[in-house]
Amino acid sequence: MLLAIDCGNTNVVFAVFDGEALKGAWRSHNNPRRTADEYAVWLTQLMGLSGIESKQIDAAIIASVVPAARFNLITLCRRYFDVEPMMIGDPELDLGVKALVDRPDQVGEDRLVNAVAAFERFGGSLIIVDFGTATSFDVTDEEGNFCGGVIAPGIHLSVEALYMASALLPRIDIRKPERVIGRATVPAMLSGVFWGYIAMIEGLVTRIRAENGRELRVVATGGLAPLFSDATDVIYDYYSDMTVHGLEMIYRRNRKS
């Protein structure tokens, strides 16, 4: 079985694949100070609840946008699963797609992995909207290559900034309000956050399509993607756990070598 690890700015996702089948996925808040031992205690217990034993893991692959967390994740794979993980960013690794941008070395590993997964499922010429710590709009061409995109503040960052910077505004949960015009403070804030994000999504998709010169299909991923994709017609589909599926595809592509 394959252990795929997607280390983002906010969460680390651990997923186990048996062949191409996802057997389980678990999330942990990302703390770069968390040791390999701490990860192992937490992860092996959750794997056990799903009937997966540590000895069944015979391969691993890691994508990380947090350099400080890599050492402990690599140590986790070596010490507790006895495998040497593939690392996204290794120049010898064949992703199957290219970064056709001015600074390929600055592209987040998760964005390239998402391009791989989205291309295999939907084909090329896409806008991938990832609702993570940041909300990213990534553009791929007809061959699945990463062609650039847009990075906006994530929804949780926006809500937290609104709360921290305003003395009289409360911290709110993110949900779809019944009305656009709020008749009290909290409904007004909900409307600004939710419908403001919908307007941003629709506006950026329109501008990206116009600049690209083609009707790019829009797919979404990330925990809040279902909430927003159901509220706008511009999002074609939702792809759960896109990044870990992309990691499995990359591992499968490179495992012989």
C-alpha atoms as a PDB file:
ATOM      1  CA  MET A   1       0.000   0.000   0.000  1.00  0.00           C
ATOM      2  CA  LEU A   2       1.019   3.600  -0.659  1.00  0.00           C
ATOM      3  CA  LEU A   3       1.120   6.350   1.957  1.00  0.00           C
ATOM      4  CA  ALA A   4       0.560   9.734   0.272  1.00  0.00           C
ATOM      5  CA  ILE A   5       1.248  12.859   2.351  1.00  0.00           C
ATOM      6  CA  ASP A   6       0.055  16.330   1.339  1.00  0.00           C
ATOM      7  CA  CYS A   7       1.599  18.914   3.679  1.00  0.00           C
ATOM      8  CA  GLY A   8      -0.142  22.274   3.291  1.00  0.00           C
ATOM      9  CA  ASN A   9       0.140  25.502   5.218  1.00  0.00           C
ATOM     10  CA  THR A  10      -2.780  24.708   7.509  1.00  0.00           C
ATOM     11  CA  ASN A  11      -3.282  20.926   7.425  1.00  0.00           C
ATOM     12  CA  VAL A  12      -1.349  17.762   6.640  1.00  0.00           C
ATOM     13  CA  VAL A  13      -3.368  15.079   4.836  1.00  0.00           C
ATOM     14  CA  PHE A  14      -2.302  11.437   5.113  1.00  0.00           C
ATOM     15  CA  ALA A  15      -3.913   9.034   2.638  1.00  0.00           C
ATOM     16  CA  VAL A  16      -3.465   5.304   2.092  1.00  0.00           C
ATOM     17  CA  PHE A  17      -3.990   3.754  -1.342  1.00  0.00           C
ATOM     18  CA  ASP A  18      -4.320   0.094  -2.239  1.00  0.00           C
ATOM     19  CA  GLY A  19      -3.457   0.278  -5.918  1.00  0.00           C
ATOM     20  CA  GLU A  20      -5.548   3.178  -7.207  1.00  0.00           C
ATOM     21  CA  ALA A  21      -8.244   2.767  -4.524  1.00  0.00           C
ATOM     22  CA  LEU A  22      -8.259   5.243  -1.652  1.00  0.00           C
ATOM     23  CA  LYS A  23      -8.591   3.225   1.573  1.00  0.00           C
ATOM     24  CA  GLY A  24      -8.554   6.122   4.020  1.00  0.00           C
ATOM     25  CA  ALA A  25      -7.570   9.773   4.482  1.00  0.00           C
ATOM     26  CA  TRP A  26      -6.918  11.686   7.700  1.00  0.00           C
ATOM     27  CA  ARG A  27      -6.122  15.332   8.443  1.00  0.00           C
ATOM     28  CA  SER A  28      -3.971  16.905  11.120  1.00  0.00           C
ATOM     29  CA  HIS A  29      -3.336  20.565  11.861  1.00  0.00           C
ATOM     30  CA  ASN A  30       0.105  21.387  10.516  1.00  0.00           C
ATOM     31  CA  ASN A  31       2.634  22.107  13.241  1.00  0.00           C
ATOM     32  CA  PRO A  32       6.221  21.940  11.897  1.00  0.00           C
ATOM     33  CA  ARG A  33       7.413  21.195  15.420  1.00  0.00           C
ATOM     34  CA  ARG A  34       5.410  17.964  15.580  1.00  0.00           C
ATOM     35  CA  THR A  35       7.871  15.089  15.640  1.00  0.00           C
ATOM     36  CA  ALA A  36       7.811  11.895  13.602  1.00  0.00           C
ATOM     37  CA  ASP A  37       6.993  10.015  16.821  1.00  0.00           C
ATOM     38  CA  GLU A  38       3.936  12.191  17.464  1.00  0.00           C
ATOM     39  CA  TYR A  39       2.715  11.739  13.895  1.00  0.00           C
ATOM     40  CA  ALA A  40       3.214   7.973  14.175  1.00  0.00           C
ATOM     41  CA  VAL A  41       1.138   7.576  17.350  1.00  0.00           C
ATOM     42  CA  TRP A  42      -1.736   9.570  15.862  1.00  0.00           C
ATOM     43  CA  LEU A  43      -1.620   8.103  12.347  1.00  0.00           C
ATOM     44  CA  THR A  44      -1.146   4.419  13.172  1.00  0.00           C
ATOM     45  CA  GLN A  45      -4.135   4.498  15.531  1.00  0.00           C
ATOM     46  CA  LEU A  46      -6.371   5.981  12.842  1.00  0.00           C
ATOM     47  CA  MET A  47      -5.074   3.514  10.272  1.00  0.00           C
ATOM     48  CA  GLY A  48      -5.817   0.691  12.698  1.00  0.00           C
ATOM     49  CA  LEU A  49      -9.427   1.854  13.046  1.00  0.00           C
ATOM     50  CA  SER A  50      -9.701   1.401   9.261  1.00  0.00           C
ATOM     51  CA  GLY A  51      -8.128  -2.049   9.377  1.00  0.00           C
ATOM     52  CA  ILE A  52      -4.780  -0.938   7.932  1.00  0.00           C
ATOM     53  CA  GLU A  53      -1.551  -2.154   9.543  1.00  0.00           C
ATOM     54  CA  SER A  54       1.745  -0.277   9.403  1.00  0.00           C
ATOM     55  CA  LYS A  55       3.496  -3.258   7.830  1.00  0.00           C
ATOM     56  CA  GLN A  56       1.146  -3.039   4.832  1.00  0.00           C
ATOM     57  CA  ILE A  57       2.687   0.295   3.796  1.00  0.00           C
ATOM     58  CA  ASP A  58       5.438  -0.455   1.282  1.00  0.00           C
ATOM     59  CA  ALA A  59       5.797   2.951  -0.430  1.00  0.00           C
ATOM     60  CA  ALA A  60       5.339   6.655   0.285  1.00  0.00           C
ATOM     61  CA  ILE A  61       5.245   9.978  -1.536  1.00  0.00           C
ATOM     62  CA  ILE A  62       5.291  13.481  -0.059  1.00  0.00           C
ATOM     63  CA  ALA A  63       4.357  16.941  -1.329  1.00  0.00           C
ATOM     64  CA  SER A  64       5.084  19.794   1.059  1.00  0.00           C
ATOM     65  CA  VAL A  65       4.788  23.561   0.808  1.00  0.00           C
ATOM     66  CA  VAL A  66       6.210  23.874   4.349  1.00  0.00           C
ATOM     67  CA  PRO A  67       9.974  23.187   4.243  1.00  0.00           C
ATOM     68  CA  ALA A  68      10.251  23.040   8.043  1.00  0.00           C
ATOM     69  CA  ALA A  69       7.871  20.060   8.172  1.00  0.00           C
ATOM     70  CA  ARG A  70       9.665  17.881   5.628  1.00  0.00           C
ATOM     71  CA  PHE A  71      12.313  16.387   7.906  1.00  0.00           C
ATOM     72  CA  ASN A  72       9.792  14.958  10.381  1.00  0.00           C
ATOM     73  CA  LEU A  73       7.559  13.611   7.614  1.00  0.00           C
ATOM     74  CA  ILE A  74      10.500  11.889   5.916  1.00  0.00           C
ATOM     75  CA  THR A  75      11.590  10.489   9.287  1.00  0.00           C
ATOM     76  CA  LEU A  76       8.053   9.189   9.844  1.00  0.00           C
ATOM     77  CA  CYS A  77       8.215   7.223   6.582  1.00  0.00           C
ATOM     78  CA  ARG A  78      11.676   5.835   7.255  1.00  0.00           C
ATOM     79  CA  ARG A  79      11.348   4.988  10.943  1.00  0.00           C
ATOM     80  CA  TYR A  80       7.788   3.725  11.221  1.00  0.00           C
ATOM     81  CA  PHE A  81       7.025   2.385   7.731  1.00  0.00           C
ATOM     82  CA  ASP A  82      10.541   1.431   6.608  1.00  0.00           C
ATOM     83  CA  VAL A  83      10.174   3.144   3.225  1.00  0.00           C
ATOM     84  CA  GLU A  84      12.116   5.890   1.459  1.00  0.00           C
ATOM     85  CA  PRO A  85       9.512   8.401   0.245  1.00  0.00           C
ATOM     86  CA  MET A  86       9.383   9.943  -3.193  1.00  0.00           C
ATOM     87  CA  MET A  87       9.528  13.726  -2.862  1.00  0.00           C
ATOM     88  CA  ILE A  88       7.707  16.137  -5.143  1.00  0.00           C
ATOM     89  CA  GLY A  89      10.373  18.623  -6.152  1.00  0.00           C
ATOM     90  CA  ASP A  90      12.981  15.949  -6.832  1.00  0.00           C
ATOM     91  CA  PRO A  91      14.293  16.899 -10.307  1.00  0.00           C
ATOM     92  CA  GLU A  92      14.456  13.224 -11.275  1.00  0.00           C
ATOM     93  CA  LEU A  93      10.741  12.726 -10.642  1.00  0.00           C
ATOM     94  CA  ASP A  94       8.551  12.729 -13.773  1.00  0.00           C
ATOM     95  CA  LEU A  95       5.301  14.536 -13.027  1.00  0.00           C
ATOM     96  CA  GLY A  96       3.899  14.154 -16.516  1.00  0.00           C
ATOM     97  CA  VAL A  97       3.186  17.897 -16.702  1.00  0.00           C
ATOM     98  CA  LYS A  98       5.371  21.000 -16.944  1.00  0.00           C
ATOM     99  CA  ALA A  99       5.286  24.398 -15.259  1.00  0.00           C
ATOM    100  CA  LEU A 100       5.137  26.843 -18.183  1.00  0.00           C
ATOM    101  CA  VAL A 101       5.705  29.977 -16.099  1.00  0.00           C
ATOM    102  CA  ASP A 102       8.464  32.534 -15.578  1.00  0.00           C
ATOM    103  CA  ARG A 103       9.720  30.976 -12.317  1.00  0.00           C
ATOM    104  CA  PRO A 104       8.912  27.224 -12.295  1.00  0.00           C
ATOM    105  CA  ASP A 105      10.932  26.791  -9.083  1.00  0.00           C
ATOM    106  CA  GLN A 106       8.462  29.021  -7.215  1.00  0.00           C
ATOM    107  CA  VAL A 107       5.314  27.048  -8.093  1.00  0.00           C
ATOM    108  CA  GLY A 108       3.803  25.326  -5.058  1.00  0.00           C
ATOM    109  CA  GLU A 109       4.121  21.557  -5.181  1.00  0.00           C
ATOM    110  CA  ASP A 110       0.427  21.103  -4.440  1.00  0.00           C
ATOM    111  CA  ARG A 111      -0.522  23.188  -7.491  1.00  0.00           C
ATOM    112  CA  LEU A 112       1.495  20.950  -9.816  1.00  0.00           C
ATOM    113  CA  VAL A 113       0.102  17.795  -8.214  1.00  0.00           C
ATOM    114  CA  ASN A 114      -3.441  19.148  -8.624  1.00  0.00           C
ATOM    115  CA  ALA A 115      -2.735  19.749 -12.302  1.00  0.00           C
ATOM    116  CA  VAL A 116      -1.763  16.085 -12.679  1.00  0.00           C
ATOM    117  CA  ALA A 117      -4.920  14.820 -10.964  1.00  0.00           C
ATOM    118  CA  ALA A 118      -7.289  17.191 -12.753  1.00  0.00           C
ATOM    119  CA  PHE A 119      -5.803  16.421 -16.160  1.00  0.00           C
ATOM    120  CA  GLU A 120      -6.199  12.663 -15.683  1.00  0.00           C
ATOM    121  CA  ARG A 121      -9.844  13.010 -14.644  1.00  0.00           C
ATOM    122  CA  PHE A 122     -11.087  15.899 -16.777  1.00  0.00           C
ATOM    123  CA  GLY A 123      -8.553  16.410 -19.557  1.00  0.00           C
ATOM    124  CA  GLY A 124      -6.768  19.675 -20.229  1.00  0.00           C
ATOM    125  CA  SER A 125      -7.715  23.357 -20.538  1.00  0.00           C
ATOM    126  CA  LEU A 126      -8.932  23.834 -16.966  1.00  0.00           C
ATOM    127  CA  ILE A 127      -9.205  26.334 -14.152  1.00  0.00           C
ATOM    128  CA  ILE A 128      -8.580  24.518 -10.858  1.00  0.00           C
ATOM    129  CA  VAL A 129     -10.005  26.427  -7.886  1.00  0.00           C
ATOM    130  CA  ASP A 130      -8.452  25.201  -4.637  1.00  0.00           C
ATOM    131  CA  PHE A 131     -10.082  26.437  -1.425  1.00  0.00           C
ATOM    132  CA  GLY A 132      -7.147  26.145   0.972  1.00  0.00           C
ATOM    133  CA  THR A 133      -5.249  28.549   3.212  1.00  0.00           C
ATOM    134  CA  ALA A 134      -5.138  30.630   0.047  1.00  0.00           C
ATOM    135  CA  THR A 135      -7.768  30.361  -2.679  1.00  0.00           C
ATOM    136  CA  SER A 136      -5.870  29.615  -5.877  1.00  0.00           C
ATOM    137  CA  PHE A 137      -7.056  29.628  -9.488  1.00  0.00           C
ATOM    138  CA  ASP A 138      -4.660  27.474 -11.520  1.00  0.00           C
ATOM    139  CA  VAL A 139      -4.786  27.339 -15.305  1.00  0.00           C
ATOM    140  CA  THR A 140      -3.773  24.259 -17.302  1.00  0.00           C
ATOM    141  CA  ASP A 141      -3.458  23.863 -21.068  1.00  0.00           C
ATOM    142  CA  GLU A 142      -4.773  21.087 -23.304  1.00  0.00           C
ATOM    143  CA  GLU A 143      -1.823  18.856 -22.322  1.00  0.00           C
ATOM    144  CA  GLY A 144      -2.285  19.405 -18.593  1.00  0.00           C
ATOM    145  CA  ASN A 145       0.690  21.744 -18.198  1.00  0.00           C
ATOM    146  CA  PHE A 146       0.536  24.391 -15.475  1.00  0.00           C
ATOM    147  CA  CYS A 147       0.321  27.820 -17.111  1.00  0.00           C
ATOM    148  CA  GLY A 148       0.002  30.124 -14.115  1.00  0.00           C
ATOM    149  CA  GLY A 149      -2.937  31.448 -12.178  1.00  0.00           C
ATOM    150  CA  VAL A 150      -4.218  33.664  -9.400  1.00  0.00           C
ATOM    151  CA  ILE A 151      -3.635  33.465  -5.625  1.00  0.00           C
ATOM    152  CA  ALA A 152      -6.161  35.185  -3.354  1.00  0.00           C
ATOM    153  CA  PRO A 153      -6.537  35.179   0.447  1.00  0.00           C
ATOM    154  CA  GLY A 154      -8.344  32.093   1.688  1.00  0.00           C
ATOM    155  CA  ILE A 155     -11.831  32.407   3.107  1.00  0.00           C
ATOM    156  CA  HIS A 156     -10.710  31.623   6.672  1.00  0.00           C
ATOM    157  CA  LEU A 157      -7.938  34.226   6.459  1.00  0.00           C
ATOM    158  CA  SER A 158     -10.448  36.819   5.316  1.00  0.00           C
ATOM    159  CA  VAL A 159     -12.861  36.034   8.133  1.00  0.00           C
ATOM    160  CA  GLU A 160     -10.081  36.101  10.742  1.00  0.00           C
ATOM    161  CA  ALA A 161      -8.706  39.396   9.404  1.00  0.00           C
ATOM    162  CA  LEU A 162     -12.169  40.951   9.557  1.00  0.00           C
ATOM    163  CA  TYR A 163     -12.548  39.866  13.179  1.00  0.00           C
ATOM    164  CA  MET A 164      -9.034  40.882  14.267  1.00  0.00           C
ATOM    165  CA  ALA A 165      -9.095  44.305  12.644  1.00  0.00           C
ATOM    166  CA  SER A 166     -12.565  45.377  13.772  1.00  0.00           C
ATOM    167  CA  ALA A 167     -13.354  46.081  17.409  1.00  0.00           C
ATOM    168  CA  LEU A 168     -17.116  45.493  17.179  1.00  0.00           C
ATOM    169  CA  LEU A 169     -17.342  42.658  14.650  1.00  0.00           C
ATOM    170  CA  PRO A 170     -17.597  39.086  15.975  1.00  0.00           C
ATOM    171  CA  ARG A 171     -15.892  35.965  14.639  1.00  0.00           C
ATOM    172  CA  ILE A 172     -18.364  34.126  12.387  1.00  0.00           C
ATOM    173  CA  ASP A 173     -18.794  30.660  10.922  1.00  0.00           C
ATOM    174  CA  ILE A 174     -18.847  30.357   7.149  1.00  0.00           C
ATOM    175  CA  ARG A 175     -22.211  29.432   5.668  1.00  0.00           C
ATOM    176  CA  LYS A 176     -24.546  30.505   2.897  1.00  0.00           C
ATOM    177  CA  PRO A 177     -26.837  33.341   4.066  1.00  0.00           C
ATOM    178  CA  GLU A 178     -30.485  33.362   3.080  1.00  0.00           C
ATOM    179  CA  ARG A 179     -30.360  36.952   1.799  1.00  0.00           C
ATOM    180  CA  VAL A 180     -27.743  39.169   0.199  1.00  0.00           C
ATOM    181  CA  ILE A 181     -28.822  42.226   2.180  1.00  0.00           C
ATOM    182  CA  GLY A 182     -28.164  41.525   5.845  1.00  0.00           C
ATOM    183  CA  ARG A 183     -30.555  43.094   8.341  1.00  0.00           C
ATOM    184  CA  ALA A 184     -28.156  42.708  11.288  1.00  0.00           C
ATOM    185  CA  THR A 185     -24.382  42.645  11.774  1.00  0.00           C
ATOM    186  CA  VAL A 186     -23.779  38.896  11.530  1.00  0.00           C
ATOM    187  CA  PRO A 187     -26.006  38.350   8.457  1.00  0.00           C
ATOM    188  CA  ALA A 188     -24.312  41.322   6.801  1.00  0.00           C
ATOM    189  CA  MET A 189     -20.884  39.833   7.517  1.00  0.00           C
ATOM    190  CA  LEU A 190     -21.985  36.403   6.253  1.00  0.00           C
ATOM    191  CA  SER A 191     -23.241  37.975   3.055  1.00  0.00           C
ATOM    192  CA  GLY A 192     -20.064  39.946   2.514  1.00  0.00           C
ATOM    193  CA  VAL A 193     -17.871  36.898   3.026  1.00  0.00           C
ATOM    194  CA  PHE A 194     -19.969  34.342   1.157  1.00  0.00           C
ATOM    195  CA  TRP A 195     -21.390  36.357  -1.734  1.00  0.00           C
ATOM    196  CA  GLY A 196     -18.198  38.394  -1.925  1.00  0.00           C
ATOM    197  CA  TYR A 197     -16.301  35.159  -2.568  1.00  0.00           C
ATOM    198  CA  ILE A 198     -18.872  34.032  -5.127  1.00  0.00           C
ATOM    199  CA  ALA A 199     -18.449  37.366  -6.917  1.00  0.00           C
ATOM    200  CA  MET A 200     -14.665  36.967  -6.824  1.00  0.00           C
ATOM    201  CA  ILE A 201     -14.876  33.426  -8.231  1.00  0.00           C
ATOM    202  CA  GLU A 202     -17.230  34.416 -11.046  1.00  0.00           C
ATOM    203  CA  GLY A 203     -15.300  37.597 -11.838  1.00  0.00           C
ATOM    204  CA  LEU A 204     -11.875  35.946 -11.933  1.00  0.00           C
ATOM    205  CA  VAL A 205     -13.123  33.001 -13.991  1.00  0.00           C
ATOM    206  CA  THR A 206     -14.604  35.436 -16.516  1.00  0.00           C
ATOM    207  CA  ARG A 207     -11.374  37.426 -16.750  1.00  0.00           C
ATOM    208  CA  ILE A 208      -9.151  34.325 -16.934  1.00  0.00           C
ATOM    209  CA  ARG A 209     -11.271  32.906 -19.763  1.00  0.00           C
ATOM    210  CA  ALA A 210     -11.192  36.203 -21.629  1.00  0.00           C
ATOM    211  CA  GLU A 211      -7.414  36.514 -21.289  1.00  0.00           C
ATOM    212  CA  ASN A 212      -6.841  32.862 -22.199  1.00  0.00           C
ATOM    213  CA  GLY A 213      -9.156  33.044 -25.200  1.00  0.00           C
ATOM    214  CA  ARG A 214     -10.993  29.791 -24.521  1.00  0.00           C
ATOM    215  CA  GLU A 215     -13.875  28.437 -22.462  1.00  0.00           C
ATOM    216  CA  LEU A 216     -11.854  26.745 -19.732  1.00  0.00           C
ATOM    217  CA  ARG A 217     -13.719  24.189 -17.605  1.00  0.00           C
ATOM    218  CA  VAL A 218     -13.689  25.028 -13.883  1.00  0.00           C
ATOM    219  CA  VAL A 219     -13.169  22.321 -11.246  1.00  0.00           C
ATOM    220  CA  ALA A 220     -12.918  22.882  -7.505  1.00  0.00           C
ATOM    221  CA  THR A 221     -11.220  21.158  -4.610  1.00  0.00           C
ATOM    222  CA  GLY A 222     -10.625  21.832  -0.929  1.00  0.00           C
ATOM    223  CA  GLY A 223     -12.798  21.507   2.147  1.00  0.00           C
ATOM    224  CA  LEU A 224     -15.097  24.462   1.412  1.00  0.00           C
ATOM    225  CA  ALA A 225     -15.432  23.745  -2.307  1.00  0.00           C
ATOM    226  CA  PRO A 226     -18.874  22.055  -2.068  1.00  0.00           C
ATOM    227  CA  LEU A 227     -20.316  25.062  -0.219  1.00  0.00           C
ATOM    228  CA  PHE A 228     -19.278  27.503  -2.947  1.00  0.00           C
ATOM    229  CA  SER A 229     -19.628  25.245  -5.995  1.00  0.00           C
ATOM    230  CA  ASP A 230     -23.325  24.725  -5.223  1.00  0.00           C
ATOM    231  CA  ALA A 231     -23.901  28.482  -5.268  1.00  0.00           C
ATOM    232  CA  THR A 232     -22.497  29.293  -8.714  1.00  0.00           C
ATOM    233  CA  ASP A 233     -22.868  27.828 -12.189  1.00  0.00           C
ATOM    234  CA  VAL A 234     -19.288  28.584 -13.236  1.00  0.00           C
ATOM    235  CA  ILE A 235     -17.872  25.606 -11.293  1.00  0.00           C
ATOM    236  CA  TYR A 236     -18.282  22.451 -13.358  1.00  0.00           C
ATOM    237  CA  ASP A 237     -17.373  19.802 -10.786  1.00  0.00           C
ATOM    238  CA  TYR A 238     -15.910  19.125  -7.341  1.00  0.00           C
ATOM    239  CA  TYR A 239     -12.929  16.775  -6.923  1.00  0.00           C
ATOM    240  CA  SER A 240     -12.498  15.606  -3.329  1.00  0.00           C
ATOM    241  CA  ASP A 241      -8.922  14.947  -2.134  1.00  0.00           C
ATOM    242  CA  MET A 242      -7.515  16.021  -5.490  1.00  0.00           C
ATOM    243  CA  THR A 243      -3.950  16.457  -4.230  1.00  0.00           C
ATOM    244  CA  VAL A 244      -3.533  13.003  -2.679  1.00  0.00           C
ATOM    245  CA  HIS A 245      -5.031  11.412  -5.793  1.00  0.00           C
ATOM    246  CA  GLY A 246      -2.472  13.344  -7.830  1.00  0.00           C
ATOM    247  CA  LEU A 247       0.288  12.031  -5.583  1.00  0.00           C
ATOM    248  CA  GLU A 248      -0.878   8.463  -6.196  1.00  0.00           C
ATOM    249  CA  MET A 249      -0.811   9.089  -9.964  1.00  0.00           C
ATOM    250  CA  ILE A 250       2.718  10.503  -9.803  1.00  0.00           C
ATOM    251  CA  TYR A 251       3.903   7.573  -7.702  1.00  0.00           C
ATOM    252  CA  ARG A 252       2.367   5.148 -10.181  1.00  0.00           C
ATOM    253  CA  ARG A 253       4.114   6.958 -13.034  1.00  0.00           C
ATOM    254  CA  ASN A 254       7.532   6.787 -11.336  1.00  0.00           C
ATOM    255  CA  ARG A 255       7.486   3.566  -9.326  1.00  0.00           C
ATOM    256  CA  LYS A 256       9.345   1.443 -11.897  1.00  0.00           C
ATOM    257  CA  SER A 257      12.325   3.781 -11.869  1.00  0.00           C
END
